[in-house]
Amino acid sequence: MDRAGIVVSQMGDYSKVKLVRHTACGNCGACQLGDEQKDIMLIAKNVAKAKAGDLVEVTMATNSVLSAAFIMYMIPLAGLFIGLLLGNALFPGKDVYTALLGVVFMGMMFVIIKLNDKRFLKNEKYTAQILRVLQSEHEGLVPLN
C-alpha cells in the first residue's frame, strides 16, 4: 500500500500522518463511512526525516495491511461469536442475555487490541513508513542567523 499523506506532527522517530484520499474513493462508504470531513490518520516511522506540513509517500506491505485488518475486524468478530455461543449455553432461551454477552466479549477483544497498541507500533510489520518527501512546505526558507 503506497499512499500520499501530510505530516501533521512529529513524535520522535514517528510522525502522525493525515492520508490524502484517492479520487477513485468517491463516496463508496467503505472508508470512514464515506464522510469526506473525516480524515484518515496513522502513525508512521519517519525514515525520510519529514517535517510537519510536508507531503510524503507512506508505504506498508500489503500482507501487513491484511494482517492488521484481520486483527482489527476478525478477532472482535470471533469474540462476538464466542460470547454468543457461551451466552446460548449459559442462558438457553434468553436471547437478550446471549446478545449482551456476545457484545461484551466483542468489546473485550477491542480492549485487548487497544492495550497491545504499543506492542504493534514497535513491530515493524504493522508500522507504516514514510519513504520520501514528495513536497516540502519548508523548501526555499532561508535559515535565521
Protein backbone atom coordinates (compact mmCIF):
# COMPACT_ATOMS: atom_id res chain seq x y z
CA MET A 1 0.00 0.00 0.00
CA ASP A 2 1.53 3.29 -1.09
CA ARG A 3 -0.39 6.44 -0.24
CA ALA A 4 0.27 10.15 -0.09
CA GLY A 5 -0.20 12.00 3.17
CA ILE A 6 0.59 15.17 5.03
CA VAL A 7 2.71 15.08 8.18
CA VAL A 8 0.64 16.57 10.99
CA SER A 9 3.00 16.21 13.92
CA GLN A 10 6.21 14.52 14.96
CA MET A 11 6.78 12.15 17.88
CA GLY A 12 10.48 11.25 17.94
CA ASP A 13 11.17 8.72 15.18
CA TYR A 14 7.46 8.56 14.32
CA SER A 15 5.07 11.02 12.73
CA LYS A 16 1.32 11.38 12.66
CA VAL A 17 0.21 11.48 9.01
CA LYS A 18 -3.12 12.53 7.55
CA LEU A 19 -3.68 10.40 4.45
CA VAL A 20 -4.88 12.04 1.26
CA ARG A 21 -7.99 10.39 -0.17
CA HIS A 22 -7.80 8.87 -3.63
CA THR A 23 -10.06 10.50 -6.21
CA ALA A 24 -11.33 6.99 -7.02
CA CYS A 25 -12.65 6.64 -3.46
CA GLY A 26 -15.71 8.77 -4.10
CA ASN A 27 -18.46 8.06 -1.61
CA CYS A 28 -18.41 4.27 -1.61
CA GLY A 29 -18.80 4.21 2.16
CA ALA A 30 -16.03 1.67 2.78
CA CYS A 31 -13.71 4.20 4.40
CA GLN A 32 -14.87 6.29 7.36
CA LEU A 33 -18.49 5.78 6.27
CA GLY A 34 -17.91 7.90 3.16
CA ASP A 35 -17.74 11.10 5.20
CA GLU A 36 -15.46 13.50 3.34
CA GLN A 37 -14.88 15.52 6.53
CA LYS A 38 -13.25 12.67 8.46
CA ASP A 39 -9.52 12.36 7.99
CA ILE A 40 -7.67 9.07 7.98
CA MET A 41 -4.79 9.38 10.44
CA LEU A 42 -1.97 6.93 11.07
CA ILE A 43 1.33 6.74 12.88
CA ALA A 44 4.30 6.07 10.57
CA LYS A 45 8.02 5.64 11.14
CA ASN A 46 9.66 8.77 9.74
CA VAL A 47 12.68 7.31 7.93
CA ALA A 48 12.68 10.23 5.43
CA LYS A 49 13.03 12.83 8.23
CA ALA A 50 9.94 14.70 7.02
CA LYS A 51 8.71 17.72 8.94
CA ALA A 52 5.20 18.83 9.86
CA GLY A 53 3.38 20.11 6.78
CA ASP A 54 5.36 18.02 4.27
CA LEU A 55 3.54 15.95 1.64
CA VAL A 56 5.01 12.45 1.93
CA GLU A 57 4.76 8.96 0.47
CA VAL A 58 3.67 6.42 3.09
CA THR A 59 4.04 2.70 2.49
CA MET A 60 3.09 -0.53 4.21
CA ALA A 61 3.36 -4.04 2.80
CA THR A 62 0.07 -5.47 1.51
CA ASN A 63 0.33 -8.57 3.69
CA SER A 64 0.86 -6.31 6.72
CA VAL A 65 -2.26 -4.31 5.86
CA LEU A 66 -4.22 -7.56 5.58
CA SER A 67 -2.81 -8.82 8.90
CA ALA A 68 -3.73 -5.57 10.63
CA ALA A 69 -7.24 -5.69 9.13
CA PHE A 70 -7.57 -9.28 10.35
CA ILE A 71 -6.62 -8.23 13.87
CA MET A 72 -8.99 -5.24 13.90
CA TYR A 73 -12.02 -6.97 12.36
CA MET A 74 -11.82 -10.74 12.69
CA ILE A 75 -10.64 -11.03 16.31
CA PRO A 76 -13.54 -8.91 17.66
CA LEU A 77 -15.91 -10.84 15.39
CA ALA A 78 -14.58 -14.09 16.84
CA GLY A 79 -15.14 -12.62 20.33
CA LEU A 80 -18.74 -11.84 19.38
CA PHE A 81 -19.36 -15.41 18.22
CA ILE A 82 -17.66 -16.92 21.27
CA GLY A 83 -19.79 -14.70 23.51
CA LEU A 84 -22.95 -15.69 21.63
CA LEU A 85 -22.14 -19.40 21.89
CA LEU A 86 -21.26 -19.08 25.56
CA GLY A 87 -24.36 -16.99 26.22
CA ASN A 88 -26.55 -19.54 24.49
CA ALA A 89 -25.06 -22.31 26.66
CA LEU A 90 -25.35 -20.32 29.91
CA PHE A 91 -28.72 -18.68 29.23
CA PRO A 92 -30.75 -21.03 26.98
CA GLY A 93 -33.79 -19.28 25.56
CA LYS A 94 -32.81 -15.84 26.88
CA ASP A 95 -31.74 -14.06 23.72
CA VAL A 96 -31.18 -10.69 25.36
CA TYR A 97 -28.57 -12.11 27.76
CA THR A 98 -26.98 -14.09 24.93
CA ALA A 99 -26.69 -10.98 22.74
CA LEU A 100 -25.38 -8.92 25.65
CA LEU A 101 -22.67 -11.48 26.42
CA GLY A 102 -21.70 -11.51 22.74
CA VAL A 103 -21.32 -7.72 22.72
CA VAL A 104 -19.33 -7.83 25.98
CA PHE A 105 -16.89 -10.40 24.56
CA MET A 106 -16.50 -8.34 21.37
CA GLY A 107 -15.81 -5.24 23.46
CA MET A 108 -13.22 -7.16 25.49
CA MET A 109 -11.42 -8.07 22.26
CA PHE A 110 -11.28 -4.40 21.25
CA VAL A 111 -9.87 -3.51 24.69
CA ILE A 112 -7.23 -6.25 24.41
CA ILE A 113 -6.21 -4.97 20.97
CA LYS A 114 -6.01 -1.39 22.30
CA LEU A 115 -3.89 -2.50 25.27
CA ASN A 116 -1.44 -4.09 22.83
CA ASP A 117 -1.29 -0.96 20.66
CA LYS A 118 2.26 -0.05 21.75
CA ARG A 119 3.47 -3.59 21.00
CA PHE A 120 2.03 -3.35 17.47
CA LEU A 121 3.73 0.03 17.00
CA LYS A 122 7.11 -1.47 17.94
CA ASN A 123 6.64 -4.32 15.44
CA GLU A 124 7.92 -3.17 12.04
CA LYS A 125 5.39 -5.46 10.31
CA TYR A 126 2.45 -3.35 11.49
CA THR A 127 4.08 0.05 11.17
CA ALA A 128 3.79 2.20 8.08
CA GLN A 129 6.90 4.06 6.92
CA ILE A 130 7.40 7.46 5.38
CA LEU A 131 9.61 6.64 2.40
CA ARG A 132 10.19 10.05 0.90
CA VAL A 133 9.10 13.66 0.94
CA LEU A 134 7.06 14.47 -2.17
CA GLN A 135 6.75 18.20 -1.49
CA SER A 136 8.21 20.12 1.41
CA GLU A 137 6.44 23.06 2.94
CA HIS A 138 9.86 24.24 4.12
CA GLU A 139 11.62 24.46 0.73
CA GLY A 140 13.09 27.83 -0.08
CA LEU A 141 13.11 29.06 3.51
CA VAL A 142 16.22 30.96 4.49
CA PRO A 143 17.57 29.91 7.90
CA LEU A 144 17.71 32.63 10.53
CA ASN A 145 21.13 33.53 11.92
